[in-house]
Amino acid sequence: MQTLMTCFVAVLCLLPCCCVSSSGECYFNAKGIGFDLSLSFLPIATCEHNGQRFDIGESWLNDQCFQCVCFEPVGVGCCKHGKQPVDFPDWCEAILKPDSCTIAVVMKANRKMPCLFGRRQLRLRDRPAWKSENDPLF
């Protein structure tokens, strides 16, 4: 039982290292842990996630754009894949492209148009240009 606790603590300490480039949203699913009485209570990681079975150490991208890893012997850990943009004008929004798990910043009025600002500013007729110094982040 001490070995199981040591492995569990090790996984919890290493999980943040696996998601350094993410936006920090993670979850851990330990439901796959079982015990085999014939093996003197050694834990068995089944690594089942959404009805699929994965090998120990295998990683995959799920349908919600989370990068998941099968950890031995405690289960599955998943973290949000990609970075979330934070500095863009109010007339734009960040949307997730589910086919590629990438985030695009588009215009709210027309989601087919990319949001261009800063040096690549999109200017609409006689309207003043958006400047980041006029719109503080705090």
N, C-alpha and C. Protein backbone atom coordinates (compact mmCIF):
# COMPACT_ATOMS: atom_id res chain seq x y z
N MET A 1 0.82 -1.19 0.00
CA MET A 1 0.00 0.00 0.00
C MET A 1 0.87 1.27 0.00
N GLN A 2 2.03 1.16 0.66
CA GLN A 2 2.97 2.28 0.68
C GLN A 2 3.47 2.59 -0.73
N THR A 3 3.71 1.55 -1.54
CA THR A 3 4.16 1.75 -2.91
C THR A 3 3.10 2.47 -3.73
N LEU A 4 1.84 2.12 -3.53
CA LEU A 4 0.75 2.78 -4.24
C LEU A 4 0.70 4.26 -3.89
N MET A 5 0.82 4.60 -2.62
CA MET A 5 0.79 6.00 -2.21
C MET A 5 1.99 6.76 -2.76
N THR A 6 3.15 6.14 -2.77
CA THR A 6 4.35 6.78 -3.31
C THR A 6 4.18 7.07 -4.80
N CYS A 7 3.63 6.12 -5.54
CA CYS A 7 3.39 6.31 -6.98
C CYS A 7 2.36 7.40 -7.21
N PHE A 8 1.32 7.43 -6.40
CA PHE A 8 0.26 8.43 -6.55
C PHE A 8 0.81 9.83 -6.31
N VAL A 9 1.62 10.00 -5.27
CA VAL A 9 2.24 11.30 -4.98
C VAL A 9 3.20 11.69 -6.10
N ALA A 10 3.94 10.75 -6.64
CA ALA A 10 4.86 11.03 -7.74
C ALA A 10 4.11 11.52 -8.97
N VAL A 11 2.99 10.89 -9.28
CA VAL A 11 2.20 11.31 -10.44
C VAL A 11 1.63 12.70 -10.22
N LEU A 12 1.13 12.97 -9.04
CA LEU A 12 0.58 14.30 -8.76
C LEU A 12 1.65 15.38 -8.85
N CYS A 13 2.88 15.05 -8.50
CA CYS A 13 3.98 16.01 -8.61
C CYS A 13 4.44 16.20 -10.06
N LEU A 14 4.37 15.15 -10.86
CA LEU A 14 4.84 15.22 -12.25
C LEU A 14 3.78 15.72 -13.22
N LEU A 15 2.51 15.65 -12.87
CA LEU A 15 1.44 16.06 -13.78
C LEU A 15 1.58 17.52 -14.22
N PRO A 16 1.89 18.47 -13.33
CA PRO A 16 2.07 19.85 -13.80
C PRO A 16 3.21 20.00 -14.80
N CYS A 17 4.24 19.18 -14.72
CA CYS A 17 5.36 19.24 -15.66
C CYS A 17 4.91 18.86 -17.07
N CYS A 18 3.90 18.02 -17.17
CA CYS A 18 3.40 17.57 -18.47
C CYS A 18 2.55 18.63 -19.14
N CYS A 19 2.14 19.64 -18.41
CA CYS A 19 1.20 20.61 -18.98
C CYS A 19 1.73 22.03 -18.89
N VAL A 20 3.03 22.23 -18.99
CA VAL A 20 3.63 23.55 -18.87
C VAL A 20 3.12 24.49 -19.95
N SER A 21 2.93 24.01 -21.17
CA SER A 21 2.52 24.89 -22.26
C SER A 21 1.01 25.04 -22.34
N SER A 22 0.28 24.49 -21.42
CA SER A 22 -1.18 24.58 -21.48
C SER A 22 -1.67 25.78 -20.70
N SER A 23 -2.98 25.98 -20.72
CA SER A 23 -3.57 27.08 -19.99
C SER A 23 -3.80 26.72 -18.53
N GLY A 24 -3.38 25.54 -18.10
CA GLY A 24 -3.44 25.16 -16.71
C GLY A 24 -4.66 24.37 -16.30
N GLU A 25 -5.57 24.09 -17.20
CA GLU A 25 -6.77 23.34 -16.85
C GLU A 25 -6.48 21.85 -17.00
N CYS A 26 -6.52 21.12 -15.89
CA CYS A 26 -6.21 19.69 -15.90
C CYS A 26 -7.20 18.92 -15.05
N TYR A 27 -7.27 17.64 -15.28
CA TYR A 27 -8.02 16.75 -14.40
C TYR A 27 -7.35 15.40 -14.37
N PHE A 28 -7.66 14.63 -13.33
CA PHE A 28 -7.05 13.32 -13.15
C PHE A 28 -8.15 12.31 -12.88
N ASN A 29 -8.11 11.19 -13.59
CA ASN A 29 -9.11 10.14 -13.44
C ASN A 29 -8.43 8.90 -12.88
N ALA A 30 -8.67 8.62 -11.60
CA ALA A 30 -8.04 7.47 -10.95
C ALA A 30 -8.99 6.28 -10.88
N LYS A 31 -10.09 6.31 -11.61
CA LYS A 31 -11.07 5.23 -11.56
C LYS A 31 -10.53 3.93 -12.14
N GLY A 32 -9.46 4.00 -12.90
CA GLY A 32 -8.95 2.80 -13.54
C GLY A 32 -8.08 1.94 -12.63
N ILE A 33 -7.96 2.29 -11.36
CA ILE A 33 -7.10 1.53 -10.45
C ILE A 33 -7.85 0.31 -9.94
N GLY A 34 -7.17 -0.83 -9.96
CA GLY A 34 -7.75 -2.05 -9.42
C GLY A 34 -6.68 -2.82 -8.67
N PHE A 35 -7.09 -3.86 -7.98
CA PHE A 35 -6.14 -4.69 -7.24
C PHE A 35 -6.32 -6.13 -7.66
N ASP A 36 -5.21 -6.80 -7.89
CA ASP A 36 -5.22 -8.21 -8.25
C ASP A 36 -4.76 -9.01 -7.04
N LEU A 37 -5.66 -9.79 -6.47
CA LEU A 37 -5.35 -10.54 -5.25
C LEU A 37 -4.23 -11.55 -5.47
N SER A 38 -4.09 -12.06 -6.67
CA SER A 38 -3.05 -13.06 -6.93
C SER A 38 -1.66 -12.43 -7.00
N LEU A 39 -1.57 -11.13 -7.11
CA LEU A 39 -0.28 -10.45 -7.22
C LEU A 39 0.07 -9.68 -5.96
N SER A 40 -0.43 -10.10 -4.81
CA SER A 40 -0.12 -9.47 -3.52
C SER A 40 -0.49 -7.99 -3.50
N PHE A 41 -1.64 -7.67 -3.96
CA PHE A 41 -2.20 -6.32 -3.91
C PHE A 41 -1.42 -5.31 -4.74
N LEU A 42 -0.81 -5.73 -5.81
CA LEU A 42 -0.15 -4.78 -6.71
C LEU A 42 -1.22 -4.09 -7.54
N PRO A 43 -1.16 -2.77 -7.65
CA PRO A 43 -2.18 -2.05 -8.41
C PRO A 43 -2.06 -2.32 -9.91
N ILE A 44 -3.19 -2.28 -10.59
CA ILE A 44 -3.24 -2.48 -12.04
C ILE A 44 -3.89 -1.23 -12.64
N ALA A 45 -3.22 -0.57 -13.54
CA ALA A 45 -3.81 0.59 -14.21
C ALA A 45 -4.48 0.11 -15.49
N THR A 46 -5.79 0.28 -15.54
CA THR A 46 -6.50 -0.15 -16.74
C THR A 46 -6.43 0.90 -17.83
N CYS A 47 -6.25 2.16 -17.47
CA CYS A 47 -6.17 3.28 -18.41
C CYS A 47 -7.30 3.23 -19.44
N GLU A 48 -8.50 3.20 -18.94
CA GLU A 48 -9.67 3.31 -19.81
C GLU A 48 -10.15 4.74 -19.73
N HIS A 49 -10.41 5.32 -20.88
CA HIS A 49 -10.87 6.71 -20.95
C HIS A 49 -11.91 6.82 -22.05
N ASN A 50 -13.11 7.21 -21.68
CA ASN A 50 -14.22 7.34 -22.64
C ASN A 50 -14.44 6.06 -23.44
N GLY A 51 -14.34 4.93 -22.76
CA GLY A 51 -14.60 3.65 -23.41
C GLY A 51 -13.46 3.09 -24.22
N GLN A 52 -12.32 3.76 -24.26
CA GLN A 52 -11.16 3.27 -25.01
C GLN A 52 -10.08 2.86 -24.03
N ARG A 53 -9.28 1.87 -24.41
CA ARG A 53 -8.20 1.37 -23.56
C ARG A 53 -6.86 1.83 -24.14
N PHE A 54 -5.97 2.30 -23.25
CA PHE A 54 -4.68 2.82 -23.67
C PHE A 54 -3.56 2.13 -22.90
N ASP A 55 -2.39 2.02 -23.54
CA ASP A 55 -1.22 1.40 -22.92
C ASP A 55 -0.57 2.36 -21.92
N ILE A 56 0.18 1.80 -20.99
CA ILE A 56 0.92 2.60 -20.01
C ILE A 56 1.90 3.51 -20.74
N GLY A 57 1.90 4.80 -20.42
CA GLY A 57 2.79 5.76 -21.04
C GLY A 57 2.26 6.36 -22.33
N GLU A 58 1.18 5.82 -22.86
CA GLU A 58 0.62 6.33 -24.12
C GLU A 58 -0.08 7.66 -23.87
N SER A 59 0.04 8.58 -24.83
CA SER A 59 -0.65 9.86 -24.74
C SER A 59 -1.52 10.05 -25.97
N TRP A 60 -2.58 10.84 -25.83
CA TRP A 60 -3.52 11.06 -26.92
C TRP A 60 -4.23 12.38 -26.70
N LEU A 61 -4.83 12.90 -27.75
CA LEU A 61 -5.62 14.13 -27.72
C LEU A 61 -7.08 13.73 -27.81
N ASN A 62 -7.88 14.07 -26.79
CA ASN A 62 -9.28 13.65 -26.81
C ASN A 62 -10.14 14.64 -27.60
N ASP A 63 -11.43 14.35 -27.72
CA ASP A 63 -12.32 15.17 -28.55
C ASP A 63 -12.60 16.55 -27.96
N GLN A 64 -12.19 16.80 -26.73
CA GLN A 64 -12.36 18.12 -26.11
C GLN A 64 -11.04 18.88 -26.08
N CYS A 65 -10.07 18.42 -26.86
CA CYS A 65 -8.75 19.05 -26.99
C CYS A 65 -7.94 19.03 -25.69
N PHE A 66 -8.06 17.95 -24.93
CA PHE A 66 -7.22 17.73 -23.76
C PHE A 66 -6.16 16.71 -24.13
N GLN A 67 -4.90 16.99 -23.76
CA GLN A 67 -3.80 16.04 -23.94
C GLN A 67 -3.81 15.11 -22.74
N CYS A 68 -4.01 13.82 -22.97
CA CYS A 68 -4.12 12.84 -21.89
C CYS A 68 -2.93 11.88 -21.91
N VAL A 69 -2.57 11.36 -20.73
CA VAL A 69 -1.47 10.41 -20.58
C VAL A 69 -1.91 9.31 -19.64
N CYS A 70 -1.56 8.07 -19.99
CA CYS A 70 -1.83 6.92 -19.13
C CYS A 70 -0.65 6.76 -18.19
N PHE A 71 -0.86 7.03 -16.89
CA PHE A 71 0.20 6.92 -15.89
C PHE A 71 0.15 5.56 -15.21
N GLU A 72 1.34 4.99 -15.01
CA GLU A 72 1.42 3.72 -14.29
C GLU A 72 1.68 4.02 -12.82
N PRO A 73 1.03 3.47 -11.88
CA PRO A 73 -0.10 2.56 -11.95
C PRO A 73 -1.41 3.21 -11.54
N VAL A 74 -1.53 4.52 -11.65
CA VAL A 74 -2.66 5.18 -11.00
C VAL A 74 -3.78 5.68 -11.89
N GLY A 75 -3.67 5.73 -13.18
CA GLY A 75 -4.79 6.13 -14.02
C GLY A 75 -4.42 7.10 -15.13
N VAL A 76 -5.38 7.97 -15.48
CA VAL A 76 -5.26 8.87 -16.62
C VAL A 76 -5.26 10.32 -16.14
N GLY A 77 -4.30 11.11 -16.64
CA GLY A 77 -4.24 12.54 -16.37
C GLY A 77 -4.37 13.29 -17.68
N CYS A 78 -5.19 14.36 -17.68
CA CYS A 78 -5.42 15.14 -18.90
C CYS A 78 -5.27 16.63 -18.60
N CYS A 79 -4.67 17.36 -19.54
CA CYS A 79 -4.52 18.81 -19.43
C CYS A 79 -4.93 19.46 -20.75
N LYS A 80 -5.46 20.67 -20.64
CA LYS A 80 -5.91 21.42 -21.81
C LYS A 80 -4.73 21.62 -22.76
N HIS A 81 -4.97 21.37 -24.04
CA HIS A 81 -3.94 21.46 -25.07
C HIS A 81 -3.98 22.85 -25.69
N GLY A 82 -2.84 23.51 -25.78
CA GLY A 82 -2.77 24.80 -26.45
C GLY A 82 -2.81 25.97 -25.49
N LYS A 83 -2.65 27.15 -26.05
CA LYS A 83 -2.61 28.38 -25.26
C LYS A 83 -3.82 29.23 -25.60
N GLN A 84 -4.34 29.93 -24.61
CA GLN A 84 -5.51 30.79 -24.78
C GLN A 84 -5.04 32.23 -24.97
N PRO A 85 -5.39 32.88 -26.09
CA PRO A 85 -5.01 34.29 -26.28
C PRO A 85 -5.75 35.17 -25.27
N VAL A 86 -5.09 36.22 -24.79
CA VAL A 86 -5.69 37.07 -23.77
C VAL A 86 -5.74 38.55 -24.15
N ASP A 87 -4.94 39.00 -25.09
CA ASP A 87 -4.87 40.43 -25.40
C ASP A 87 -5.40 40.69 -26.80
N PHE A 88 -6.70 40.96 -26.90
CA PHE A 88 -7.31 41.31 -28.18
C PHE A 88 -8.48 42.25 -27.92
N PRO A 89 -8.90 43.03 -28.91
CA PRO A 89 -9.97 44.03 -28.71
C PRO A 89 -11.32 43.38 -28.36
N ASP A 90 -12.20 44.20 -27.80
CA ASP A 90 -13.53 43.72 -27.40
C ASP A 90 -14.38 43.26 -28.59
N TRP A 91 -14.11 43.77 -29.77
CA TRP A 91 -14.91 43.39 -30.92
C TRP A 91 -14.45 42.08 -31.56
N CYS A 92 -13.53 41.41 -30.88
CA CYS A 92 -13.04 40.11 -31.33
C CYS A 92 -13.32 39.05 -30.27
N GLU A 93 -13.23 37.79 -30.66
CA GLU A 93 -13.39 36.69 -29.71
C GLU A 93 -12.50 35.53 -30.12
N ALA A 94 -12.12 34.74 -29.14
CA ALA A 94 -11.30 33.55 -29.38
C ALA A 94 -12.23 32.34 -29.49
N ILE A 95 -12.10 31.59 -30.58
CA ILE A 95 -12.92 30.39 -30.76
C ILE A 95 -12.01 29.18 -30.97
N LEU A 96 -12.50 28.04 -30.53
CA LEU A 96 -11.76 26.79 -30.67
C LEU A 96 -12.17 26.11 -31.96
N LYS A 97 -11.17 25.76 -32.77
CA LYS A 97 -11.44 24.99 -33.99
C LYS A 97 -11.37 23.51 -33.61
N PRO A 98 -12.51 22.83 -33.50
CA PRO A 98 -12.52 21.46 -33.00
C PRO A 98 -11.80 20.46 -33.90
N ASP A 99 -11.70 20.74 -35.18
CA ASP A 99 -11.04 19.80 -36.09
C ASP A 99 -9.53 19.76 -35.89
N SER A 100 -8.94 20.86 -35.41
CA SER A 100 -7.49 20.91 -35.25
C SER A 100 -7.04 21.26 -33.84
N CYS A 101 -7.97 21.53 -32.93
CA CYS A 101 -7.66 21.92 -31.55
C CYS A 101 -6.79 23.17 -31.49
N THR A 102 -6.97 24.08 -32.44
CA THR A 102 -6.28 25.36 -32.40
C THR A 102 -7.29 26.45 -32.09
N ILE A 103 -6.79 27.57 -31.58
CA ILE A 103 -7.66 28.68 -31.22
C ILE A 103 -7.40 29.81 -32.21
N ALA A 104 -8.48 30.37 -32.74
CA ALA A 104 -8.39 31.48 -33.68
C ALA A 104 -9.11 32.69 -33.08
N VAL A 105 -8.55 33.87 -33.30
CA VAL A 105 -9.20 35.11 -32.87
C VAL A 105 -9.90 35.68 -34.09
N VAL A 106 -11.23 35.80 -33.98
CA VAL A 106 -12.05 36.24 -35.11
C VAL A 106 -12.92 37.41 -34.68
N MET A 107 -13.53 38.07 -35.66
CA MET A 107 -14.44 39.18 -35.38
C MET A 107 -15.76 38.62 -34.87
N LYS A 108 -16.34 39.28 -33.85
CA LYS A 108 -17.62 38.83 -33.31
C LYS A 108 -18.73 38.97 -34.34
N ALA A 109 -18.68 40.03 -35.16
CA ALA A 109 -19.73 40.29 -36.14
C ALA A 109 -19.72 39.28 -37.28
N ASN A 110 -18.54 38.76 -37.63
CA ASN A 110 -18.42 37.80 -38.71
C ASN A 110 -17.31 36.81 -38.35
N ARG A 111 -17.70 35.64 -37.89
CA ARG A 111 -16.71 34.66 -37.42
C ARG A 111 -15.83 34.09 -38.53
N LYS A 112 -16.12 34.41 -39.77
CA LYS A 112 -15.28 33.96 -40.88
C LYS A 112 -14.10 34.90 -41.11
N MET A 113 -14.15 36.07 -40.49
CA MET A 113 -13.09 37.07 -40.66
C MET A 113 -12.11 37.01 -39.49
N PRO A 114 -10.80 36.90 -39.78
CA PRO A 114 -9.83 36.93 -38.68
C PRO A 114 -9.77 38.33 -38.06
N CYS A 115 -9.48 38.38 -36.81
CA CYS A 115 -9.38 39.66 -36.11
C CYS A 115 -7.95 40.17 -36.23
N LEU A 116 -7.78 41.25 -36.94
CA LEU A 116 -6.46 41.83 -37.14
C LEU A 116 -6.38 43.11 -36.32
N PHE A 117 -5.36 43.21 -35.49
CA PHE A 117 -5.19 44.40 -34.66
C PHE A 117 -3.71 44.60 -34.43
N GLY A 118 -3.38 45.73 -33.83
CA GLY A 118 -1.96 46.06 -33.65
C GLY A 118 -1.36 46.49 -34.97
N ARG A 119 -0.21 45.97 -35.33
CA ARG A 119 0.44 46.34 -36.59
C ARG A 119 -0.33 45.83 -37.80
N ARG A 120 -1.06 44.74 -37.61
CA ARG A 120 -1.85 44.17 -38.71
C ARG A 120 -3.30 44.64 -38.62
N GLN A 121 -3.52 45.84 -38.10
CA GLN A 121 -4.85 46.36 -37.80
C GLN A 121 -5.79 46.34 -39.01
N LEU A 122 -7.00 45.91 -38.75
CA LEU A 122 -8.06 45.97 -39.76
C LEU A 122 -8.77 47.30 -39.57
N ARG A 123 -8.72 48.17 -40.56
CA ARG A 123 -9.34 49.49 -40.43
C ARG A 123 -10.65 49.50 -41.20
N LEU A 124 -11.68 49.96 -40.53
CA LEU A 124 -13.00 50.03 -41.12
C LEU A 124 -13.36 51.49 -41.38
N ARG A 125 -13.31 51.91 -42.61
CA ARG A 125 -13.64 53.26 -43.08
C ARG A 125 -12.98 54.34 -42.24
N ASP A 126 -13.77 55.26 -41.70
CA ASP A 126 -13.21 56.41 -40.98
C ASP A 126 -13.15 56.20 -39.47
N ARG A 127 -13.27 55.00 -39.03
CA ARG A 127 -13.23 54.74 -37.59
C ARG A 127 -11.79 54.82 -37.09
N PRO A 128 -11.61 55.30 -35.87
CA PRO A 128 -10.24 55.38 -35.34
C PRO A 128 -9.65 53.99 -35.11
N ALA A 129 -8.36 53.92 -35.24
CA ALA A 129 -7.66 52.64 -35.05
C ALA A 129 -7.67 52.27 -33.57
N TRP A 130 -7.80 50.98 -33.30
CA TRP A 130 -7.74 50.50 -31.92
C TRP A 130 -6.30 50.51 -31.46
N LYS A 131 -6.07 51.02 -30.26
CA LYS A 131 -4.72 51.08 -29.71
C LYS A 131 -4.74 50.41 -28.35
N SER A 132 -3.76 49.56 -28.11
CA SER A 132 -3.73 48.82 -26.85
C SER A 132 -3.57 49.74 -25.64
N GLU A 133 -2.90 50.88 -25.79
CA GLU A 133 -2.71 51.78 -24.65
C GLU A 133 -4.02 52.45 -24.24
N ASN A 134 -5.02 52.49 -25.12
CA ASN A 134 -6.33 53.05 -24.78
C ASN A 134 -7.23 52.03 -24.10
N ASP A 135 -6.84 50.79 -24.08
CA ASP A 135 -7.66 49.71 -23.54
C ASP A 135 -6.80 48.88 -22.57
N PRO A 136 -6.63 49.37 -21.32
CA PRO A 136 -5.74 48.65 -20.39
C PRO A 136 -6.27 47.27 -20.05
N LEU A 137 -5.36 46.38 -19.67
CA LEU A 137 -5.73 45.01 -19.34
C LEU A 137 -6.28 44.87 -17.94
N PHE A 138 -6.14 45.84 -17.09
CA PHE A 138 -6.60 45.70 -15.71
C PHE A 138 -7.74 46.62 -15.38
